[in-house]
C-alpha atoms as a PDB file:
ATOM      1  CA  MET A   1      18.016  56.504  -9.039  1.00  0.00           C
ATOM      2  CA  THR A   2      21.218  55.817  -7.175  1.00  0.00           C
ATOM      3  CA  GLY A   3      20.077  54.027  -3.875  1.00  0.00           C
ATOM      4  CA  LEU A   4      19.164  56.000  -0.484  1.00  0.00           C
ATOM      5  CA  LYS A   5      21.950  57.431   1.869  1.00  0.00           C
ATOM      6  CA  SER A   6      22.133  56.720   5.453  1.00  0.00           C
ATOM      7  CA  SER A   7      21.021  60.262   6.256  1.00  0.00           C
ATOM      8  CA  SER A   8      17.944  60.605   4.002  1.00  0.00           C
ATOM      9  CA  GLY A   9      14.551  58.242   3.589  1.00  0.00           C
ATOM     10  CA  PRO A  10      12.386  57.217   6.492  1.00  0.00           C
ATOM     11  CA  PHE A  11      13.531  56.244  10.080  1.00  0.00           C
ATOM     12  CA  SER A  12      16.782  58.299   9.337  1.00  0.00           C
ATOM     13  CA  LEU A  13      17.990  57.673  12.854  1.00  0.00           C
ATOM     14  CA  VAL A  14      18.625  53.906  11.648  1.00  0.00           C
ATOM     15  CA  GLN A  15      21.990  54.350  10.037  1.00  0.00           C
ATOM     16  CA  LEU A  16      22.612  52.044   7.275  1.00  0.00           C
ATOM     17  CA  PRO A  17      26.143  50.023   7.088  1.00  0.00           C
ATOM     18  CA  ALA A  18      28.673  52.579   5.901  1.00  0.00           C
ATOM     19  CA  GLU A  19      30.604  49.461   4.091  1.00  0.00           C
ATOM     20  CA  ARG A  20      27.379  48.435   1.872  1.00  0.00           C
ATOM     21  CA  SER A  21      28.154  49.732  -1.828  1.00  0.00           C
ATOM     22  CA  ARG A  22      24.804  52.145  -2.385  1.00  0.00           C
ATOM     23  CA  SER A  23      25.688  54.094  -5.091  1.00  0.00           C
ATOM     24  CA  LYS A  24      25.127  52.400  -9.000  1.00  0.00           C
ATOM     25  CA  PRO A  25      27.014  51.354 -11.103  1.00  0.00           C
ATOM     26  CA  ARG A  26      28.717  49.121  -7.970  1.00  0.00           C
ATOM     27  CA  SER A  27      31.782  47.231  -8.357  1.00  0.00           C
ATOM     28  CA  SER A  28      30.947  44.807  -5.292  1.00  0.00           C
ATOM     29  CA  GLY A  29      27.849  43.649  -3.310  1.00  0.00           C
ATOM     30  CA  LEU A  30      26.078  43.285  -6.828  1.00  0.00           C
ATOM     31  CA  THR A  31      22.187  41.657  -6.975  1.00  0.00           C
ATOM     32  CA  MET A  32      21.378  39.837 -10.299  1.00  0.00           C
ATOM     33  CA  MET A  33      17.773  39.455 -10.355  1.00  0.00           C
ATOM     34  CA  MET A  34      15.988  36.928 -12.459  1.00  0.00           C
ATOM     35  CA  ASP A  35      13.337  37.720 -15.369  1.00  0.00           C
ATOM     36  CA  TRP A  36      11.460  34.330 -16.143  1.00  0.00           C
ATOM     37  CA  GLY A  37       9.253  36.456 -18.363  1.00  0.00           C
ATOM     38  CA  LEU A  38       8.227  39.322 -16.479  1.00  0.00           C
ATOM     39  CA  PRO A  39       5.126  41.561 -18.496  1.00  0.00           C
ATOM     40  CA  LEU A  40       6.447  44.895 -19.124  1.00  0.00           C
ATOM     41  CA  GLY A  41       4.129  46.558 -16.554  1.00  0.00           C
ATOM     42  CA  MET A  42       4.985  44.023 -14.031  1.00  0.00           C
ATOM     43  CA  GLN A  43       8.440  44.939 -14.948  1.00  0.00           C
ATOM     44  CA  GLU A  44       8.199  48.527 -14.543  1.00  0.00           C
ATOM     45  CA  ASP A  45       6.584  48.253 -11.232  1.00  0.00           C
ATOM     46  CA  TRP A  46       9.192  46.008  -9.429  1.00  0.00           C
ATOM     47  CA  LEU A  47      11.981  48.197 -10.929  1.00  0.00           C
ATOM     48  CA  ASP A  48      10.201  51.549  -9.387  1.00  0.00           C
ATOM     49  CA  LEU A  49      10.951  49.876  -6.280  1.00  0.00           C
ATOM     50  CA  VAL A  50      13.781  47.855  -6.593  1.00  0.00           C
ATOM     51  CA  ALA A  51      16.132  49.183  -9.358  1.00  0.00           C
ATOM     52  CA  PRO A  52      18.275  50.967  -6.555  1.00  0.00           C
ATOM     53  CA  PHE A  53      19.413  47.523  -5.538  1.00  0.00           C
ATOM     54  CA  ALA A  54      19.521  45.448  -8.399  1.00  0.00           C
ATOM     55  CA  ASP A  55      22.284  45.535 -10.782  1.00  0.00           C
ATOM     56  CA  LEU A  56      21.720  42.761 -13.569  1.00  0.00           C
ATOM     57  CA  ALA A  57      18.692  40.905 -14.926  1.00  0.00           C
ATOM     58  CA  LYS A  58      18.897  37.631 -16.248  1.00  0.00           C
ATOM     59  CA  PHE A  59      16.584  36.210 -19.054  1.00  0.00           C
ATOM     60  CA  VAL A  60      16.471  32.945 -17.887  1.00  0.00           C
ATOM     61  CA  SER A  61      17.411  30.088 -20.173  1.00  0.00           C
ATOM     62  CA  GLY A  62      15.876  30.680 -23.684  1.00  0.00           C
ATOM     63  CA  THR A  63      13.114  32.719 -22.695  1.00  0.00           C
ATOM     64  CA  ALA A  64      14.334  35.766 -25.122  1.00  0.00           C
ATOM     65  CA  ARG A  65      13.525  33.225 -28.045  1.00  0.00           C
ATOM     66  CA  LEU A  66       9.793  33.908 -26.988  1.00  0.00           C
ATOM     67  CA  TYR A  67       9.118  37.418 -27.107  1.00  0.00           C
ATOM     68  CA  GLU A  68       8.199  39.235 -30.347  1.00  0.00           C
ATOM     69  CA  GLU A  69      11.005  41.348 -30.802  1.00  0.00           C
ATOM     70  CA  ASP A  70       9.642  44.715 -30.197  1.00  0.00           C
ATOM     71  CA  TYR A  71       8.428  43.118 -26.647  1.00  0.00           C
ATOM     72  CA  LEU A  72      11.875  42.284 -25.796  1.00  0.00           C
ATOM     73  CA  LEU A  73      13.426  45.147 -27.593  1.00  0.00           C
ATOM     74  CA  GLN A  74      11.203  47.413 -24.937  1.00  0.00           C
ATOM     75  CA  LYS A  75      12.008  44.917 -21.824  1.00  0.00           C
ATOM     76  CA  ILE A  76      15.940  45.384 -22.380  1.00  0.00           C
ATOM     77  CA  ALA A  77      15.366  49.136 -22.907  1.00  0.00           C
ATOM     78  CA  LEU A  78      13.330  49.561 -19.430  1.00  0.00           C
ATOM     79  CA  TYR A  79      16.113  47.840 -17.329  1.00  0.00           C
ATOM     80  CA  LYS A  80      18.698  49.741 -19.000  1.00  0.00           C
ATOM     81  CA  LYS A  81      16.986  52.895 -18.272  1.00  0.00           C
ATOM     82  CA  HIS A  82      16.751  51.998 -14.482  1.00  0.00           C
ATOM     83  CA  ASP A  83      20.654  50.964 -14.822  1.00  0.00           C
ATOM     84  CA  VAL A  84      19.890  47.653 -14.627  1.00  0.00           C
ATOM     85  CA  HIS A  85      22.190  45.492 -17.026  1.00  0.00           C
ATOM     86  CA  PRO A  86      20.341  42.937 -18.759  1.00  0.00           C
ATOM     87  CA  PHE A  87      22.000  39.691 -19.809  1.00  0.00           C
ATOM     88  CA  ILE A  88      20.840  36.074 -21.284  1.00  0.00           C
ATOM     89  CA  GLY A  89      21.163  33.083 -18.979  1.00  0.00           C
ATOM     90  CA  GLY A  90      23.471  30.389 -20.254  1.00  0.00           C
ATOM     91  CA  GLN A  91      21.531  27.892 -20.750  1.00  0.00           C
ATOM     92  CA  PHE A  92      20.259  29.117 -24.208  1.00  0.00           C
ATOM     93  CA  LEU A  93      23.864  29.115 -25.562  1.00  0.00           C
ATOM     94  CA  GLU A  94      24.151  25.374 -24.029  1.00  0.00           C
ATOM     95  CA  TYR A  95      21.092  24.672 -26.093  1.00  0.00           C
ATOM     96  CA  ILE A  96      22.122  26.309 -29.233  1.00  0.00           C
ATOM     97  CA  TYR A  97      25.963  24.537 -28.749  1.00  0.00           C
ATOM     98  CA  ALA A  98      24.522  21.206 -28.246  1.00  0.00           C
ATOM     99  CA  THR A  99      22.211  21.390 -31.196  1.00  0.00           C
ATOM    100  CA  GLN A 100      23.997  23.561 -33.905  1.00  0.00           C
ATOM    101  CA  GLY A 101      27.664  23.258 -32.665  1.00  0.00           C
ATOM    102  CA  LEU A 102      30.480  25.629 -31.975  1.00  0.00           C
ATOM    103  CA  SER A 103      29.790  27.284 -35.188  1.00  0.00           C
ATOM    104  CA  SER A 104      26.721  28.497 -34.111  1.00  0.00           C
ATOM    105  CA  ALA A 105      28.061  30.747 -31.251  1.00  0.00           C
ATOM    106  CA  LYS A 106      28.958  33.497 -33.389  1.00  0.00           C
ATOM    107  CA  PRO A 107      25.734  34.301 -34.911  1.00  0.00           C
ATOM    108  CA  TYR A 108      24.262  33.845 -31.476  1.00  0.00           C
ATOM    109  CA  PHE A 109      26.326  36.585 -29.889  1.00  0.00           C
ATOM    110  CA  GLU A 110      26.142  38.616 -32.845  1.00  0.00           C
ATOM    111  CA  GLU A 111      22.387  38.653 -32.328  1.00  0.00           C
ATOM    112  CA  ALA A 112      22.583  39.435 -29.071  1.00  0.00           C
ATOM    113  CA  LYS A 113      24.518  42.231 -29.548  1.00  0.00           C
ATOM    114  CA  ARG A 114      22.352  43.543 -32.243  1.00  0.00           C
ATOM    115  CA  LEU A 115      19.238  43.174 -29.681  1.00  0.00           C
ATOM    116  CA  GLY A 116      20.807  45.453 -27.032  1.00  0.00           C
ATOM    117  CA  PHE A 117      22.198  42.881 -24.589  1.00  0.00           C
ATOM    118  CA  GLU A 118      25.697  43.711 -23.723  1.00  0.00           C
ATOM    119  CA  ALA A 119      26.168  40.690 -21.513  1.00  0.00           C
ATOM    120  CA  ILE A 120      25.865  36.836 -22.211  1.00  0.00           C
ATOM    121  CA  GLU A 121      26.673  33.874 -19.781  1.00  0.00           C
ATOM    122  CA  VAL A 122      28.587  31.031 -20.540  1.00  0.00           C
ATOM    123  CA  SER A 123      28.232  27.949 -17.993  1.00  0.00           C
ATOM    124  CA  ASP A 124      27.959  23.988 -18.806  1.00  0.00           C
ATOM    125  CA  ASN A 125      25.270  23.130 -16.346  1.00  0.00           C
ATOM    126  CA  CYS A 126      23.259  20.748 -18.758  1.00  0.00           C
ATOM    127  CA  VAL A 127      26.027  20.530 -21.546  1.00  0.00           C
ATOM    128  CA  PRO A 128      29.435  19.658 -20.334  1.00  0.00           C
ATOM    129  CA  LEU A 129      32.385  22.298 -21.696  1.00  0.00           C
ATOM    130  CA  ASP A 130      35.724  21.335 -21.752  1.00  0.00           C
ATOM    131  CA  ARG A 131      38.474  23.588 -21.749  1.00  0.00           C
ATOM    132  CA  LYS A 132      38.752  24.323 -25.052  1.00  0.00           C
ATOM    133  CA  ALA A 133      35.292  24.677 -25.658  1.00  0.00           C
ATOM    134  CA  ARG A 134      34.619  27.133 -22.532  1.00  0.00           C
ATOM    135  CA  GLN A 135      37.619  29.631 -23.616  1.00  0.00           C
ATOM    136  CA  THR A 136      36.663  29.631 -27.396  1.00  0.00           C
ATOM    137  CA  LEU A 137      32.941  30.097 -26.497  1.00  0.00           C
ATOM    138  CA  ILE A 138      34.076  33.109 -24.083  1.00  0.00           C
ATOM    139  CA  ARG A 139      36.999  34.723 -26.445  1.00  0.00           C
ATOM    140  CA  THR A 140      34.427  34.702 -29.235  1.00  0.00           C
ATOM    141  CA  ALA A 141      31.699  36.605 -27.140  1.00  0.00           C
ATOM    142  CA  VAL A 142      34.478  38.989 -26.078  1.00  0.00           C
ATOM    143  CA  ASP A 143      35.422  39.342 -29.826  1.00  0.00           C
ATOM    144  CA  CYS A 144      31.926  40.206 -30.554  1.00  0.00           C
ATOM    145  CA  GLY A 145      31.942  43.013 -28.057  1.00  0.00           C
ATOM    146  CA  LEU A 146      29.986  41.435 -25.214  1.00  0.00           C
ATOM    147  CA  GLU A 147      30.749  41.261 -21.427  1.00  0.00           C
ATOM    148  CA  VAL A 148      30.950  37.442 -20.401  1.00  0.00           C
ATOM    149  CA  HIS A 149      29.742  36.200 -17.374  1.00  0.00           C
ATOM    150  CA  GLY A 150      31.151  32.987 -16.620  1.00  0.00           C
ATOM    151  CA  GLU A 151      29.467  29.842 -14.624  1.00  0.00           C
ATOM    152  CA  VAL A 152      31.022  27.250 -13.011  1.00  0.00           C
ATOM    153  CA  GLY A 153      29.646  24.233 -11.243  1.00  0.00           C
ATOM    154  CA  SER A 154      26.756  21.629 -11.401  1.00  0.00           C
ATOM    155  CA  LYS A 155      23.195  21.263 -10.526  1.00  0.00           C
ATOM    156  CA  SER A 156      23.464  17.567  -9.860  1.00  0.00           C
ATOM    157  CA  GLU A 157      26.923  16.627  -9.069  1.00  0.00           C
ATOM    158  CA  ASP A 158      29.463  17.993  -6.432  1.00  0.00           C
ATOM    159  CA  THR A 159      32.391  19.144  -8.532  1.00  0.00           C
ATOM    160  CA  GLY A 160      34.792  19.949  -5.612  1.00  0.00           C
ATOM    161  CA  ALA A 161      36.525  23.343  -4.608  1.00  0.00           C
ATOM    162  CA  ALA A 162      39.591  22.693  -7.007  1.00  0.00           C
ATOM    163  CA  THR A 163      37.890  22.127 -10.244  1.00  0.00           C
ATOM    164  CA  LEU A 164      35.322  25.110  -9.767  1.00  0.00           C
ATOM    165  CA  ILE A 165      38.729  27.078  -9.268  1.00  0.00           C
ATOM    166  CA  ALA A 166      40.474  25.863 -12.068  1.00  0.00           C
ATOM    167  CA  GLN A 167      37.526  26.560 -14.440  1.00  0.00           C
ATOM    168  CA  ALA A 168      36.793  29.845 -12.866  1.00  0.00           C
ATOM    169  CA  ASN A 169      40.444  30.742 -13.963  1.00  0.00           C
ATOM    170  CA  GLU A 170      39.791  29.080 -17.286  1.00  0.00           C
ATOM    171  CA  CYS A 171      36.970  31.754 -17.904  1.00  0.00           C
ATOM    172  CA  PHE A 172      38.880  34.896 -16.200  1.00  0.00           C
ATOM    173  CA  ASP A 173      42.014  33.992 -18.678  1.00  0.00           C
ATOM    174  CA  ALA A 174      39.707  33.780 -21.108  1.00  0.00           C
ATOM    175  CA  GLY A 175      38.359  37.305 -21.010  1.00  0.00           C
ATOM    176  CA  ALA A 176      35.285  36.629 -18.709  1.00  0.00           C
ATOM    177  CA  ASP A 177      34.612  39.699 -16.301  1.00  0.00           C
ATOM    178  CA  VAL A 178      32.883  37.741 -13.433  1.00  0.00           C
ATOM    179  CA  VAL A 179      32.009  34.279 -12.747  1.00  0.00           C
ATOM    180  CA  LEU A 180      29.076  32.446 -11.050  1.00  0.00           C
ATOM    181  CA  VAL A 181      29.282  29.967  -9.171  1.00  0.00           C
ATOM    182  CA  GLU A 182      26.427  27.157  -9.298  1.00  0.00           C
ATOM    183  CA  GLY A 183      24.184  27.580  -6.009  1.00  0.00           C
ATOM    184  CA  ALA A 184      23.745  23.457  -5.745  1.00  0.00           C
ATOM    185  CA  GLU A 185      27.245  23.458  -5.313  1.00  0.00           C
ATOM    186  CA  LEU A 186      27.104  25.565  -2.271  1.00  0.00           C
ATOM    187  CA  LEU A 187      24.847  23.265  -0.294  1.00  0.00           C
ATOM    188  CA  THR A 188      25.135  19.851   1.199  1.00  0.00           C
ATOM    189  CA  ASP A 189      22.401  17.984   2.717  1.00  0.00           C
ATOM    190  CA  GLY A 190      20.460  21.442   2.774  1.00  0.00           C
ATOM    191  CA  GLU A 191      23.415  23.207   4.755  1.00  0.00           C
ATOM    192  CA  PRO A 192      25.718  25.590   3.468  1.00  0.00           C
ATOM    193  CA  ASN A 193      28.811  23.960   2.384  1.00  0.00           C
ATOM    194  CA  ARG A 194      31.473  25.896   4.671  1.00  0.00           C
ATOM    195  CA  ARG A 195      34.425  24.179   3.495  1.00  0.00           C
ATOM    196  CA  LEU A 196      34.033  24.852  -0.017  1.00  0.00           C
ATOM    197  CA  LEU A 197      32.721  27.997   0.365  1.00  0.00           C
ATOM    198  CA  ALA A 198      36.198  28.637   2.502  1.00  0.00           C
ATOM    199  CA  GLU A 199      38.113  27.018  -0.163  1.00  0.00           C
ATOM    200  CA  LEU A 200      36.858  29.129  -2.750  1.00  0.00           C
ATOM    201  CA  ARG A 201      37.653  32.106  -0.780  1.00  0.00           C
ATOM    202  CA  ASP A 202      40.919  31.437  -0.391  1.00  0.00           C
ATOM    203  CA  GLY A 203      41.323  30.377  -3.872  1.00  0.00           C
ATOM    204  CA  LEU A 204      39.586  33.079  -5.957  1.00  0.00           C
ATOM    205  CA  ASP A 205      39.130  37.007  -5.826  1.00  0.00           C
ATOM    206  CA  VAL A 206      35.687  36.915  -4.574  1.00  0.00           C
ATOM    207  CA  SER A 207      34.937  40.460  -5.644  1.00  0.00           C
ATOM    208  CA  ARG A 208      34.892  38.773  -9.078  1.00  0.00           C
ATOM    209  CA  VAL A 209      32.469  35.669  -8.198  1.00  0.00           C
ATOM    210  CA  ILE A 210      28.952  36.139  -8.109  1.00  0.00           C
ATOM    211  CA  PHE A 211      27.406  33.352  -5.487  1.00  0.00           C
ATOM    212  CA  GLU A 212      24.195  32.318  -7.120  1.00  0.00           C
ATOM    213  CA  LEU A 213      21.153  31.384  -4.531  1.00  0.00           C
ATOM    214  CA  ILE A 214      19.236  27.784  -5.421  1.00  0.00           C
ATOM    215  CA  GLY A 215      15.640  27.832  -6.293  1.00  0.00           C
ATOM    216  CA  PRO A 216      12.715  25.325  -7.462  1.00  0.00           C
ATOM    217  CA  TRP A 217      14.653  24.067 -10.257  1.00  0.00           C
ATOM    218  CA  ILE A 218      16.766  22.025  -8.022  1.00  0.00           C
ATOM    219  CA  PRO A 219      14.801  19.033  -6.579  1.00  0.00           C
ATOM    220  CA  GLY A 220      13.889  19.224  -3.100  1.00  0.00           C
ATOM    221  CA  THR A 221      14.600  23.276  -2.876  1.00  0.00           C
ATOM    222  CA  ARG A 222      12.796  24.637   0.220  1.00  0.00           C
ATOM    223  CA  ASN A 223      11.816  28.339   0.494  1.00  0.00           C
ATOM    224  CA  CYS A 224      13.966  28.265   3.697  1.00  0.00           C
ATOM    225  CA  ASP A 225      16.740  26.777   2.221  1.00  0.00           C
ATOM    226  CA  VAL A 226      17.207  29.309  -0.204  1.00  0.00           C
ATOM    227  CA  TYR A 227      16.801  32.174   2.641  1.00  0.00           C
ATOM    228  CA  ASP A 228      19.475  30.070   4.819  1.00  0.00           C
ATOM    229  CA  LEU A 229      22.131  30.233   2.180  1.00  0.00           C
ATOM    230  CA  LYS A 230      21.397  33.795   1.346  1.00  0.00           C
ATOM    231  CA  LYS A 231      22.009  34.576   4.782  1.00  0.00           C
ATOM    232  CA  PHE A 232      24.826  32.384   5.460  1.00  0.00           C
ATOM    233  CA  LEU A 233      26.291  33.967   2.601  1.00  0.00           C
ATOM    234  CA  ILE A 234      25.832  37.772   3.648  1.00  0.00           C
ATOM    235  CA  SER A 235      27.007  36.766   6.997  1.00  0.00           C
ATOM    236  CA  GLU A 236      30.148  35.103   5.905  1.00  0.00           C
ATOM    237  CA  PHE A 237      31.635  37.703   3.182  1.00  0.00           C
ATOM    238  CA  GLY A 238      29.929  40.626   4.442  1.00  0.00           C
ATOM    239  CA  SER A 239      27.142  43.352   3.117  1.00  0.00           C
ATOM    240  CA  ASN A 240      29.041  43.576  -0.488  1.00  0.00           C
ATOM    241  CA  VAL A 241      28.884  39.843  -1.129  1.00  0.00           C
ATOM    242  CA  ASN A 242      27.759  39.373  -4.645  1.00  0.00           C
ATOM    243  CA  LEU A 243      24.369  37.283  -4.978  1.00  0.00           C
ATOM    244  CA  ALA A 244      22.712  35.851  -8.091  1.00  0.00           C
ATOM    245  CA  ASN A 245      19.310  34.319  -8.713  1.00  0.00           C
ATOM    246  CA  VAL A 246      17.604  36.683  -6.706  1.00  0.00           C
ATOM    247  CA  MET A 247      13.666  36.493  -7.731  1.00  0.00           C
ATOM    248  CA  PRO A 248      12.432  40.367  -8.275  1.00  0.00           C
ATOM    249  CA  HIS A 249      10.078  39.786  -5.223  1.00  0.00           C
ATOM    250  CA  ASP A 250      13.161  39.148  -3.002  1.00  0.00           C
ATOM    251  CA  VAL A 251      15.582  41.958  -4.172  1.00  0.00           C
ATOM    252  CA  PHE A 252      14.147  44.389  -1.645  1.00  0.00           C
ATOM    253  CA  GLU A 253      14.220  41.746   1.392  1.00  0.00           C
ATOM    254  CA  THR A 254      17.420  41.078   0.169  1.00  0.00           C
ATOM    255  CA  GLU A 255      18.602  44.624   0.721  1.00  0.00           C
ATOM    256  CA  ALA A 256      17.253  44.477   4.293  1.00  0.00           C
ATOM    257  CA  LEU A 257      19.316  41.425   5.011  1.00  0.00           C
ATOM    258  CA  ARG A 258      22.811  43.408   3.506  1.00  0.00           C
ATOM    259  CA  ALA A 259      21.828  46.255   5.915  1.00  0.00           C
ATOM    260  CA  GLY A 260      21.044  43.852   8.803  1.00  0.00           C
ATOM    261  CA  LEU A 261      17.481  44.914   9.165  1.00  0.00           C
ATOM    262  CA  SER A 262      16.455  41.395   8.848  1.00  0.00           C
ATOM    263  CA  VAL A 263      17.045  38.262  10.160  1.00  0.00           C
ATOM    264  CA  VAL A 264      20.789  38.676   9.832  1.00  0.00           C
ATOM    265  CA  GLY A 265      20.563  41.344  12.481  1.00  0.00           C
ATOM    266  CA  PRO A 266      22.794  43.134  14.431  1.00  0.00           C
ATOM    267  CA  SER A 267      26.417  41.432  15.519  1.00  0.00           C
ATOM    268  CA  ALA A 268      25.759  43.112  19.320  1.00  0.00           C
ATOM    269  CA  MET A 269      23.550  44.116  21.556  1.00  0.00           C
ATOM    270  CA  MET A 270      23.960  47.980  22.558  1.00  0.00           C
ATOM    271  CA  ALA A 271      23.377  48.914  26.348  1.00  0.00           C
ATOM    272  CA  ALA A 272      20.646  50.877  26.578  1.00  0.00           C
ATOM    273  CA  ALA A 273      21.385  54.555  27.465  1.00  0.00           C
ATOM    274  CA  GLU A 274      20.500  55.579  30.949  1.00  0.00           C
END
């Protein structure tokens, strides 16, 4: 499936935004959904509906270690069948790096490649990485034939725009394809951090940046905070902003937001025809 066209489908009198990227593979307007342990049947049910609107699927933290291998291989194959690209979240690599050292990175990357993953995430949410370690991990992953999603930012501290931009450029220089910005950095006292986002827009190529949403892993997060951040990002950066950490049951609604069919809504009212 490649998504709906403006002229097809139910209620075709409503034209979908021409600027919204609908055909896959997309180079912008990416939606990354999270997989916290979806059973195969549920995964298939969700993908039957949302696959046209989902581009990436993250196996969260170290969950990939808990499956029987045959089951994991089926999950990976199912995502690929629906043209949704699976990858492993960065906290698994952080755990391996912290407990086994830098030398463990290459065997980890080789195992990910053997299993059928084509991308991994390199982050330092919980385990700090200096510039040398971050770039070594990224370059090693690239040498193993993997696409790298770098992640910058902290779940518990305000890093600041200058540091986030510098870390993102370190990721790009080492060979990362895209950089994710930690969602907790994008909020201040429950409100979107407008100043930070403006600085990131000016300092980075946002077409290569994926903005993460927050979730229950951030203390004090309410569902309305997640929704408000998503709404703000779409309003500020347009329907083709790249979004990460979307729950499977929110992918469809996220596409409605992108299309202006939810609370983002039309920017102006058209006078009724007489």
